[in-house]
Amino acid sequence: MKHLIAAACVAVASAGMAMAEPASGTWKTETSDTGAYLHVKIAPCGANVCGTITKVVGSDDTSSVGKPIIWDMKSKGSGSYSGGKIWAPDTDKTYRSKMSLSGNALKVSGCVGPICRGQTWTRLN
């Protein structure tokens, strides 16, 4: 019985820490050259952080809604994240990624070999 209680306490504590993830929430990507942008829901996924596209604004192509855009991102503390991947819908390429949180701005960048791209996303909620 003590083991069950201890396991329950650990599970509750872990859930509380996951809910307190600073990057959690909905983010607006930068606007593309065509005027379109995405809403991305970032949330804990296991021990890491993941992001899913929840909305496409300014484009009739909504095929990316529901698709993962960030996965396996590891929190390094102080709003820094690395070790994950990010998918760029405009090029259909996946990049090694890192993120940095500062207030309501999330700098997201990714690289494939020597080629890197980045954006600053704005928190919606």
Protein backbone atom coordinates (compact mmCIF):
# COMPACT_ATOMS: atom_id res chain seq x y z
CA MET A 1 0.00 0.00 0.00
CA LYS A 2 2.86 2.39 0.81
CA HIS A 3 4.32 1.80 -2.65
CA LEU A 4 0.99 2.67 -4.30
CA ILE A 5 0.71 5.87 -2.29
CA ALA A 6 4.32 6.81 -3.11
CA ALA A 7 3.74 6.12 -6.82
CA ALA A 8 0.58 8.23 -6.78
CA CYS A 9 2.45 11.11 -5.12
CA VAL A 10 5.19 10.96 -7.74
CA ALA A 11 2.61 10.90 -10.55
CA VAL A 12 0.77 13.92 -9.13
CA ALA A 13 4.02 15.84 -8.63
CA SER A 14 5.14 15.04 -12.20
CA ALA A 15 1.81 16.14 -13.62
CA GLY A 16 2.09 19.41 -11.71
CA MET A 17 5.57 20.05 -13.08
CA ALA A 18 4.43 19.23 -16.60
CA MET A 19 1.51 21.63 -16.31
CA ALA A 20 3.90 24.37 -15.23
CA GLU A 21 5.95 24.01 -18.44
CA PRO A 22 6.79 27.65 -19.35
CA ALA A 23 6.44 27.18 -23.13
CA SER A 24 3.00 25.55 -22.84
CA GLY A 25 0.21 27.37 -24.62
CA THR A 26 -0.83 28.46 -28.08
CA TRP A 27 1.65 30.36 -30.23
CA LYS A 28 1.35 32.35 -33.49
CA THR A 29 4.14 31.76 -36.00
CA GLU A 30 5.60 34.57 -38.07
CA THR A 31 3.60 35.52 -41.14
CA SER A 32 4.88 33.97 -44.37
CA ASP A 33 5.51 35.84 -47.64
CA THR A 34 1.97 34.87 -48.69
CA GLY A 35 0.43 36.36 -45.53
CA ALA A 36 -0.37 33.00 -43.91
CA TYR A 37 0.57 31.92 -40.40
CA LEU A 38 -0.07 29.05 -38.01
CA HIS A 39 -1.31 28.58 -34.48
CA VAL A 40 0.76 25.97 -32.64
CA LYS A 41 -0.25 24.33 -29.36
CA ILE A 42 2.82 23.51 -27.26
CA ALA A 43 2.44 21.07 -24.37
CA PRO A 44 4.41 18.48 -22.45
CA CYS A 45 4.64 15.07 -24.12
CA GLY A 46 6.20 12.65 -21.69
CA ALA A 47 9.42 14.18 -20.36
CA ASN A 48 9.74 16.47 -23.40
CA VAL A 49 7.82 19.28 -25.10
CA CYS A 50 5.90 18.93 -28.36
CA GLY A 51 3.89 21.23 -30.60
CA THR A 52 0.91 20.56 -32.86
CA ILE A 53 -0.55 22.82 -35.54
CA THR A 54 -4.08 23.77 -34.46
CA LYS A 55 -5.01 26.39 -37.06
CA VAL A 56 -3.92 27.81 -40.42
CA VAL A 57 -4.75 31.48 -40.99
CA GLY A 58 -4.59 33.18 -44.39
CA SER A 59 -4.47 30.04 -46.52
CA ASP A 60 -7.06 27.66 -47.93
CA ASP A 61 -4.65 24.75 -47.43
CA THR A 62 -5.47 23.49 -43.95
CA SER A 63 -3.97 20.02 -44.48
CA SER A 64 -1.32 20.65 -41.82
CA VAL A 65 -3.88 21.12 -39.01
CA GLY A 66 -3.38 18.40 -36.41
CA LYS A 67 0.15 17.58 -37.55
CA PRO A 68 3.09 17.68 -35.16
CA ILE A 69 5.47 20.56 -35.87
CA ILE A 70 7.78 20.19 -32.82
CA TRP A 71 8.72 16.97 -31.02
CA ASP A 72 11.29 15.60 -28.56
CA MET A 73 12.23 19.11 -27.37
CA LYS A 74 14.05 18.89 -24.04
CA SER A 75 13.86 21.64 -21.45
CA LYS A 76 17.30 22.85 -20.37
CA GLY A 77 15.82 25.23 -17.77
CA SER A 78 15.54 29.03 -17.82
CA GLY A 79 13.33 28.92 -20.93
CA SER A 80 15.88 27.10 -23.11
CA TYR A 81 15.08 23.97 -25.10
CA SER A 82 17.13 21.77 -27.43
CA GLY A 83 17.54 18.28 -28.81
CA GLY A 84 14.21 18.28 -30.61
CA LYS A 85 13.00 18.40 -34.19
CA ILE A 86 10.86 20.91 -36.05
CA TRP A 87 8.98 20.41 -39.30
CA ALA A 88 8.74 23.32 -41.75
CA PRO A 89 5.43 22.96 -43.62
CA ASP A 90 6.49 25.37 -46.39
CA THR A 91 9.45 23.18 -47.41
CA ASP A 92 8.29 19.85 -45.95
CA LYS A 93 11.72 19.51 -44.29
CA THR A 94 12.56 18.46 -40.75
CA TYR A 95 15.31 20.29 -38.88
CA ARG A 96 17.26 19.75 -35.64
CA SER A 97 15.76 22.39 -33.42
CA LYS A 98 16.15 24.54 -30.35
CA MET A 99 13.91 27.12 -28.71
CA SER A 100 14.39 30.02 -26.34
CA LEU A 101 11.56 31.60 -24.35
CA SER A 102 11.62 35.27 -23.33
CA GLY A 103 8.31 36.54 -21.92
CA ASN A 104 5.68 36.11 -24.63
CA ALA A 105 8.22 35.52 -27.41
CA LEU A 106 9.52 32.09 -28.39
CA LYS A 107 12.57 32.01 -30.66
CA VAL A 108 12.45 28.78 -32.65
CA SER A 109 15.28 27.71 -34.92
CA GLY A 110 16.31 24.64 -36.81
CA CYS A 111 19.22 23.41 -38.91
CA VAL A 112 19.86 20.77 -41.55
CA GLY A 113 23.63 20.58 -41.94
CA PRO A 114 24.89 24.15 -42.39
CA ILE A 115 21.47 25.51 -43.40
CA CYS A 116 19.53 27.12 -40.53
CA ARG A 117 16.20 28.92 -40.32
CA GLY A 118 14.42 30.62 -37.47
CA GLN A 119 11.35 32.53 -36.38
CA THR A 120 10.06 34.33 -33.33
CA TRP A 121 6.60 33.16 -32.32
CA THR A 122 4.15 35.20 -30.22
CA ARG A 123 2.15 33.73 -27.33
CA LEU A 124 -1.61 33.82 -27.88
CA ASN A 125 -2.51 32.18 -24.54
